[in-house]
Amino acid sequence: MPIRSKPQQPGEAAINALIEKGGSVATPDEPHHAKTRNFQLRLNDEIRERIDRACEKRTVKPSWHAYIMEAILEKLKADERTE
């Protein structure tokens, strides 16, 4: 004895109605300020090891990207205070 009934397949009319309904093109859900550019950052082994050690000391280890972004934002904030 089945616990639930077998799922019903939609009829051809329902499928055609869905197709005819159309829709919009999927777009990424990005905030207005999220326009980004990729670039390559070259770090020597010493700096990479220092970043790794700093990340390991954190309770929640950030990704390299998050750590570097945080450092950049802190530097910008400090520079803006001295202007």
N, C-alpha and C. Protein backbone atom coordinates (compact mmCIF):
# COMPACT_ATOMS: atom_id res chain seq x y z
N MET A 1 0.85 -1.18 0.00
CA MET A 1 0.00 0.00 0.00
C MET A 1 0.90 1.24 0.00
N PRO A 2 0.78 2.09 -1.04
CA PRO A 2 1.61 3.29 -1.11
C PRO A 2 1.17 4.33 -0.09
N ILE A 3 2.14 5.07 0.40
CA ILE A 3 1.85 6.12 1.36
C ILE A 3 1.32 7.36 0.66
N ARG A 4 1.88 7.68 -0.51
CA ARG A 4 1.35 8.81 -1.29
C ARG A 4 1.02 8.34 -2.70
N SER A 5 0.22 9.12 -3.33
CA SER A 5 -0.16 8.76 -4.69
C SER A 5 0.96 9.11 -5.65
N LYS A 6 0.97 8.44 -6.76
CA LYS A 6 1.96 8.67 -7.79
C LYS A 6 1.80 10.08 -8.34
N PRO A 7 2.92 10.83 -8.52
CA PRO A 7 2.80 12.19 -9.06
C PRO A 7 2.18 12.18 -10.45
N GLN A 8 1.33 13.14 -10.69
CA GLN A 8 0.65 13.24 -11.98
C GLN A 8 1.52 14.02 -12.96
N GLN A 9 1.66 13.53 -14.16
CA GLN A 9 2.39 14.23 -15.20
C GLN A 9 1.47 15.30 -15.79
N PRO A 10 2.01 16.52 -16.01
CA PRO A 10 1.16 17.55 -16.61
C PRO A 10 0.80 17.18 -18.04
N GLY A 11 -0.37 17.61 -18.44
CA GLY A 11 -0.81 17.33 -19.80
C GLY A 11 -0.09 18.20 -20.80
N GLU A 12 -0.23 17.86 -22.07
CA GLU A 12 0.43 18.62 -23.13
C GLU A 12 -0.06 20.06 -23.16
N ALA A 13 -1.32 20.30 -22.86
CA ALA A 13 -1.87 21.66 -22.84
C ALA A 13 -1.18 22.49 -21.75
N ALA A 14 -0.94 21.90 -20.58
CA ALA A 14 -0.28 22.62 -19.49
C ALA A 14 1.17 22.94 -19.86
N ILE A 15 1.84 22.00 -20.52
CA ILE A 15 3.21 22.22 -20.94
C ILE A 15 3.28 23.34 -21.97
N ASN A 16 2.40 23.31 -22.95
CA ASN A 16 2.37 24.36 -23.98
C ASN A 16 2.03 25.72 -23.38
N ALA A 17 1.15 25.75 -22.40
CA ALA A 17 0.79 27.01 -21.75
C ALA A 17 2.00 27.60 -21.04
N LEU A 18 2.78 26.75 -20.39
CA LEU A 18 3.98 27.23 -19.71
C LEU A 18 5.00 27.77 -20.71
N ILE A 19 5.18 27.08 -21.81
CA ILE A 19 6.11 27.53 -22.85
C ILE A 19 5.65 28.86 -23.44
N GLU A 20 4.37 28.97 -23.73
CA GLU A 20 3.83 30.20 -24.32
C GLU A 20 3.89 31.38 -23.36
N LYS A 21 3.83 31.08 -22.07
CA LYS A 21 3.88 32.14 -21.07
C LYS A 21 5.18 32.91 -21.18
N GLY A 22 6.25 32.21 -21.50
CA GLY A 22 7.55 32.88 -21.64
C GLY A 22 8.10 33.28 -20.28
N GLY A 23 9.06 34.15 -20.32
CA GLY A 23 9.68 34.59 -19.09
C GLY A 23 10.78 35.58 -19.42
N SER A 24 11.65 35.80 -18.47
CA SER A 24 12.75 36.73 -18.70
C SER A 24 14.07 35.97 -18.65
N VAL A 25 15.08 36.58 -19.18
CA VAL A 25 16.41 35.99 -19.19
C VAL A 25 16.96 36.04 -17.77
N ALA A 26 17.57 34.97 -17.34
CA ALA A 26 18.15 34.94 -16.00
C ALA A 26 19.33 35.90 -15.93
N THR A 27 19.38 36.70 -14.89
CA THR A 27 20.49 37.63 -14.69
C THR A 27 21.06 37.41 -13.31
N PRO A 28 22.35 37.65 -13.15
CA PRO A 28 22.93 37.48 -11.82
C PRO A 28 22.35 38.48 -10.84
N ASP A 29 22.20 38.05 -9.61
CA ASP A 29 21.65 38.90 -8.56
C ASP A 29 22.79 39.71 -7.95
N GLU A 30 23.16 40.81 -8.59
CA GLU A 30 24.29 41.60 -8.11
C GLU A 30 23.82 42.97 -7.66
N PRO A 31 24.40 43.46 -6.57
CA PRO A 31 24.09 44.84 -6.17
C PRO A 31 24.65 45.81 -7.21
N HIS A 32 24.17 47.04 -7.18
CA HIS A 32 24.55 48.02 -8.20
C HIS A 32 26.04 48.33 -8.17
N HIS A 33 26.71 48.16 -7.05
CA HIS A 33 28.12 48.49 -6.94
C HIS A 33 29.03 47.30 -7.20
N ALA A 34 28.47 46.18 -7.62
CA ALA A 34 29.25 44.96 -7.72
C ALA A 34 29.99 44.80 -9.04
N LYS A 35 30.09 45.84 -9.83
CA LYS A 35 30.85 45.72 -11.08
C LYS A 35 32.31 45.50 -10.70
N THR A 36 32.85 44.38 -11.12
CA THR A 36 34.21 44.03 -10.72
C THR A 36 35.09 43.82 -11.94
N ARG A 37 36.37 43.92 -11.70
CA ARG A 37 37.37 43.62 -12.72
C ARG A 37 38.34 42.63 -12.12
N ASN A 38 38.75 41.69 -12.89
CA ASN A 38 39.73 40.71 -12.43
C ASN A 38 41.12 41.20 -12.78
N PHE A 39 42.06 40.93 -11.92
CA PHE A 39 43.44 41.23 -12.23
C PHE A 39 44.32 40.21 -11.53
N GLN A 40 45.54 40.13 -11.98
CA GLN A 40 46.47 39.17 -11.41
C GLN A 40 47.32 39.86 -10.37
N LEU A 41 47.47 39.22 -9.22
CA LEU A 41 48.29 39.75 -8.14
C LEU A 41 49.43 38.77 -7.91
N ARG A 42 50.63 39.24 -8.04
CA ARG A 42 51.79 38.37 -7.83
C ARG A 42 52.35 38.61 -6.44
N LEU A 43 52.44 37.54 -5.66
CA LEU A 43 52.98 37.63 -4.30
C LEU A 43 54.14 36.66 -4.18
N ASN A 44 55.21 37.11 -3.53
CA ASN A 44 56.32 36.18 -3.33
C ASN A 44 55.97 35.21 -2.20
N ASP A 45 56.78 34.18 -2.06
CA ASP A 45 56.49 33.12 -1.08
C ASP A 45 56.42 33.64 0.35
N GLU A 46 57.28 34.60 0.69
CA GLU A 46 57.29 35.13 2.06
C GLU A 46 55.95 35.79 2.40
N ILE A 47 55.45 36.61 1.49
CA ILE A 47 54.17 37.29 1.74
C ILE A 47 53.03 36.28 1.81
N ARG A 48 53.06 35.30 0.92
CA ARG A 48 52.01 34.27 0.94
C ARG A 48 52.02 33.51 2.26
N GLU A 49 53.20 33.18 2.76
CA GLU A 49 53.30 32.48 4.03
C GLU A 49 52.82 33.35 5.19
N ARG A 50 53.12 34.65 5.14
CA ARG A 50 52.66 35.56 6.19
C ARG A 50 51.14 35.65 6.18
N ILE A 51 50.54 35.69 5.00
CA ILE A 51 49.08 35.73 4.89
C ILE A 51 48.50 34.43 5.46
N ASP A 52 49.09 33.30 5.10
CA ASP A 52 48.62 32.02 5.62
C ASP A 52 48.67 31.99 7.15
N ARG A 53 49.76 32.46 7.73
CA ARG A 53 49.88 32.47 9.19
C ARG A 53 48.84 33.38 9.83
N ALA A 54 48.62 34.55 9.22
CA ALA A 54 47.62 35.48 9.75
C ALA A 54 46.22 34.88 9.67
N CYS A 55 45.92 34.20 8.59
CA CYS A 55 44.60 33.57 8.43
C CYS A 55 44.40 32.44 9.43
N GLU A 56 45.44 31.67 9.69
CA GLU A 56 45.34 30.54 10.62
C GLU A 56 45.05 31.00 12.04
N LYS A 57 45.45 32.21 12.40
CA LYS A 57 45.22 32.73 13.76
C LYS A 57 43.77 33.09 14.01
N ARG A 58 42.99 33.26 12.95
CA ARG A 58 41.59 33.66 13.09
C ARG A 58 40.73 32.49 13.52
N THR A 59 39.66 32.79 14.24
CA THR A 59 38.72 31.75 14.65
C THR A 59 38.06 31.15 13.41
N VAL A 60 37.60 32.02 12.51
CA VAL A 60 37.05 31.58 11.23
C VAL A 60 38.05 32.00 10.17
N LYS A 61 38.69 31.02 9.55
CA LYS A 61 39.74 31.31 8.58
C LYS A 61 39.13 31.91 7.31
N PRO A 62 39.53 33.15 6.95
CA PRO A 62 39.00 33.75 5.73
C PRO A 62 39.69 33.19 4.50
N SER A 63 39.06 33.34 3.36
CA SER A 63 39.71 32.96 2.11
C SER A 63 40.80 33.99 1.81
N TRP A 64 41.68 33.65 0.90
CA TRP A 64 42.71 34.61 0.51
C TRP A 64 42.06 35.88 -0.03
N HIS A 65 41.04 35.71 -0.85
CA HIS A 65 40.35 36.87 -1.43
C HIS A 65 39.79 37.77 -0.33
N ALA A 66 39.11 37.17 0.63
CA ALA A 66 38.51 37.96 1.71
C ALA A 66 39.59 38.67 2.53
N TYR A 67 40.68 37.97 2.81
CA TYR A 67 41.76 38.57 3.60
C TYR A 67 42.37 39.76 2.87
N ILE A 68 42.66 39.58 1.59
CA ILE A 68 43.29 40.66 0.81
C ILE A 68 42.33 41.83 0.64
N MET A 69 41.04 41.55 0.41
CA MET A 69 40.05 42.63 0.29
C MET A 69 39.96 43.42 1.60
N GLU A 70 39.96 42.72 2.71
CA GLU A 70 39.92 43.37 4.02
C GLU A 70 41.13 44.28 4.20
N ALA A 71 42.30 43.79 3.82
CA ALA A 71 43.53 44.58 3.95
C ALA A 71 43.47 45.82 3.06
N ILE A 72 42.99 45.67 1.85
CA ILE A 72 42.88 46.81 0.94
C ILE A 72 41.92 47.86 1.50
N LEU A 73 40.77 47.40 2.00
CA LEU A 73 39.79 48.35 2.54
C LEU A 73 40.32 49.06 3.78
N GLU A 74 41.05 48.34 4.64
CA GLU A 74 41.65 48.99 5.82
C GLU A 74 42.66 50.05 5.40
N LYS A 75 43.47 49.74 4.39
CA LYS A 75 44.46 50.69 3.90
C LYS A 75 43.79 51.91 3.30
N LEU A 76 42.75 51.71 2.52
CA LEU A 76 42.02 52.84 1.93
C LEU A 76 41.40 53.71 3.01
N LYS A 77 40.81 53.08 4.02
CA LYS A 77 40.20 53.84 5.11
C LYS A 77 41.25 54.67 5.84
N ALA A 78 42.42 54.09 6.08
CA ALA A 78 43.50 54.83 6.77
C ALA A 78 43.96 56.00 5.92
N ASP A 79 44.13 55.78 4.62
CA ASP A 79 44.56 56.85 3.71
C ASP A 79 43.54 57.97 3.64
N GLU A 80 42.26 57.62 3.65
CA GLU A 80 41.19 58.62 3.56
C GLU A 80 41.13 59.47 4.84
N ARG A 81 41.50 58.88 5.98
CA ARG A 81 41.51 59.65 7.23
C ARG A 81 42.62 60.71 7.23
N THR A 82 43.72 60.43 6.53
CA THR A 82 44.85 61.36 6.53
C THR A 82 44.71 62.45 5.47
N GLU A 83 43.71 62.35 4.62
CA GLU A 83 43.52 63.38 3.57
C GLU A 83 43.00 64.65 4.14
